[in-house]
Protein backbone atom coordinates (compact mmCIF):
# COMPACT_ATOMS: atom_id res chain seq x y z
CA MET A 1 17.29 13.17 -3.44
CA ILE A 2 15.90 13.72 0.04
CA ARG A 3 12.43 13.00 1.37
CA TYR A 4 10.90 15.49 3.77
CA ASP A 5 7.92 14.90 6.03
CA LEU A 6 5.72 17.97 5.54
CA ILE A 7 2.66 19.46 7.22
CA CYS A 8 0.24 22.19 6.16
CA ASP A 9 -1.30 24.84 8.41
CA ALA A 10 -4.47 22.69 8.63
CA GLY A 11 -2.46 19.82 10.14
CA HIS A 12 -2.38 17.46 7.15
CA ASP A 13 0.81 15.33 7.05
CA PHE A 14 2.39 14.29 3.74
CA ASP A 15 5.83 13.79 2.25
CA ALA A 16 7.69 14.94 -0.84
CA TRP A 17 11.08 14.46 -2.48
CA PHE A 18 13.53 17.28 -3.18
CA SER A 19 17.06 17.51 -4.56
CA GLY A 20 18.09 19.19 -1.31
CA SER A 21 17.13 21.68 1.37
CA ALA A 22 17.64 24.63 -1.01
CA ASP A 23 15.23 23.03 -3.49
CA PHE A 24 12.55 22.77 -0.80
CA ASP A 25 13.10 26.40 0.24
CA SER A 26 12.99 27.59 -3.37
CA GLN A 27 9.78 25.72 -4.19
CA ARG A 28 8.12 26.96 -1.02
CA GLN A 29 9.10 30.59 -1.66
CA ARG A 30 7.83 30.42 -5.25
CA GLY A 31 4.49 28.93 -4.12
CA PHE A 32 5.05 25.57 -5.83
CA LEU A 33 4.23 23.55 -2.71
CA SER A 34 0.68 22.82 -1.62
CA CYS A 35 -1.08 20.30 0.58
CA PRO A 36 -2.50 17.41 -1.47
CA VAL A 37 -5.48 17.18 0.90
CA CYS A 38 -6.68 20.78 1.23
CA GLY A 39 -4.52 22.72 -1.23
CA SER A 40 -3.01 25.03 1.40
CA ALA A 41 0.23 26.70 0.29
CA HIS A 42 1.34 27.14 3.93
CA VAL A 43 3.62 24.10 4.11
CA SER A 44 6.54 23.43 6.42
CA LYS A 45 8.91 20.57 7.28
CA THR A 46 8.16 18.42 10.31
CA LEU A 47 10.70 16.92 12.68
CA MET A 48 12.23 13.82 11.14
CA ALA A 49 14.56 11.18 12.53
CA PRO A 50 17.50 10.45 10.26
CA SER A 51 17.56 7.06 8.61
CA VAL A 52 20.73 5.30 9.71
CA THR A 53 21.52 1.85 8.37
CA THR A 54 23.84 -0.44 10.31
CA GLY A 55 26.15 -3.01 8.73
CA ARG A 56 23.79 -5.87 9.64
CA GLN A 57 20.84 -4.01 8.17
CA LYS A 58 22.79 -3.43 4.95
CA GLU A 59 23.56 -7.15 4.73
CA ALA A 60 19.88 -8.04 5.29
CA ILE A 61 18.77 -5.52 2.68
CA GLN A 62 21.37 -6.76 0.21
CA SER A 63 20.24 -10.38 0.67
CA LEU A 64 16.66 -9.35 -0.06
CA VAL A 65 17.52 -7.69 -3.34
CA THR A 66 19.81 -10.40 -4.68
CA GLY A 67 18.44 -12.30 -7.61
CA GLU A 68 18.18 -15.74 -5.96
CA ALA A 69 16.51 -14.52 -2.76
CA GLN A 70 14.05 -12.45 -4.77
CA LYS A 71 13.26 -15.43 -7.00
CA GLN A 72 12.56 -17.61 -3.95
CA VAL A 73 10.23 -15.03 -2.40
CA MET A 74 8.37 -14.53 -5.67
CA ALA A 75 8.03 -18.31 -6.15
CA LYS A 76 6.50 -18.65 -2.68
CA LEU A 77 4.10 -15.79 -3.35
CA ARG A 78 3.08 -17.29 -6.71
CA GLU A 79 2.49 -20.66 -5.03
CA ALA A 80 0.36 -19.11 -2.26
CA VAL A 81 -1.75 -17.11 -4.73
CA ALA A 82 -2.21 -20.17 -6.98
CA THR A 83 -3.34 -22.26 -3.99
CA ILE A 84 -5.86 -19.63 -2.94
CA ARG A 85 -7.22 -19.30 -6.49
CA ALA A 86 -7.47 -23.09 -6.91
CA ASN A 87 -9.46 -23.46 -3.69
CA ALA A 88 -11.84 -20.52 -4.02
CA GLU A 89 -14.82 -19.65 -6.17
CA ASP A 90 -14.29 -16.56 -8.33
CA VAL A 91 -17.45 -14.46 -7.88
CA GLY A 92 -16.08 -11.44 -9.76
CA ALA A 93 -17.84 -8.12 -9.09
CA ARG A 94 -20.36 -9.87 -6.83
CA PHE A 95 -17.64 -10.26 -4.18
CA PRO A 96 -19.02 -7.75 -1.62
CA GLU A 97 -22.53 -9.20 -1.90
CA GLU A 98 -21.34 -12.83 -1.64
CA ALA A 99 -18.99 -12.05 1.25
CA ARG A 100 -21.92 -10.55 3.19
CA LYS A 101 -24.18 -13.53 2.43
CA ILE A 102 -21.53 -15.94 3.71
CA HIS A 103 -20.79 -13.80 6.78
CA TYR A 104 -24.45 -13.52 7.76
CA GLY A 105 -25.22 -17.20 7.07
CA GLU A 106 -27.37 -16.57 3.99
CA ALA A 107 -25.04 -18.62 1.76
CA GLU A 108 -22.86 -21.69 2.28
CA GLN A 109 -19.49 -21.19 3.96
CA ARG A 110 -16.81 -21.32 1.24
CA GLY A 111 -13.73 -19.54 0.03
CA ILE A 112 -14.38 -16.84 -2.54
CA ILE A 113 -12.28 -14.41 -4.54
CA GLY A 114 -13.42 -11.48 -6.62
CA GLU A 115 -13.32 -7.75 -7.02
CA ALA A 116 -14.28 -4.94 -4.67
CA LYS A 117 -13.84 -1.20 -4.99
CA PRO A 118 -11.86 0.41 -2.14
CA ASP A 119 -15.00 1.83 -0.49
CA GLU A 120 -16.73 -1.57 -0.74
CA ALA A 121 -13.74 -3.33 0.84
CA LEU A 122 -13.64 -0.76 3.65
CA ALA A 123 -17.38 -1.25 4.29
CA LEU A 124 -16.87 -5.02 4.54
CA LEU A 125 -14.06 -4.57 7.05
CA GLU A 126 -16.15 -2.13 9.10
CA GLU A 127 -18.91 -4.78 9.25
CA GLY A 128 -16.40 -7.24 10.71
CA ILE A 129 -16.12 -9.30 7.53
CA GLU A 130 -12.55 -10.55 7.17
CA ILE A 131 -11.12 -10.01 3.69
CA ALA A 132 -7.63 -9.75 2.24
CA ALA A 133 -6.26 -8.52 -1.06
CA LEU A 134 -4.37 -10.94 -3.28
CA PRO A 135 -1.11 -9.49 -4.61
CA VAL A 136 -0.81 -8.84 -8.32
CA LEU A 137 2.58 -10.27 -9.16
CA PRO A 138 4.74 -8.82 -11.95
CA ASP A 139 4.52 -11.76 -14.33
CA GLU A 140 0.72 -11.69 -14.09
CA THR A 141 0.60 -8.27 -15.76
CA ASN A 142 3.40 -8.63 -18.33
C-alpha cells in the first residue's frame, strides 16, 4: 500500500491509500476519487518527500513497539490519568460552563474534568481557557 498526498482543484489537501500508482490512475480515470471537503472529482497528487528510515530510527521504532516498552508507557499513562481523575471534580456535561466560571473568577479555582463537544472545546480555547483532553486508554473501553 502507498499513501499519496492529494489536492483538488479548489486547493483542499487530503491523503488516500492505494495499492500502487496504477491503482490511483485507474480510480481517477473512472471518477472514483473526490475531495472529501468539496466533492470535486478533479484530484491530483501533490509533491511528496519519500519516507526513508535510517538504522537508528528503525531501532527506536522497534523499541517502542516491543511488549515491555509499550507496557511501561501504558502504565505511566494510566498512572497520570488516574492522578488527574483523583484530584479533579467530575462536572460531566457542565464542563464548558464550569470551565468558564473558573476562568472568569465566578467559581472557586479547582481542577475539573468532564465532557465537551468539539465545537465547545474549540470555543473554550479561543477564549483563552486552557483545557486538555484525557486519553481513553484501551483497557478502559474493553
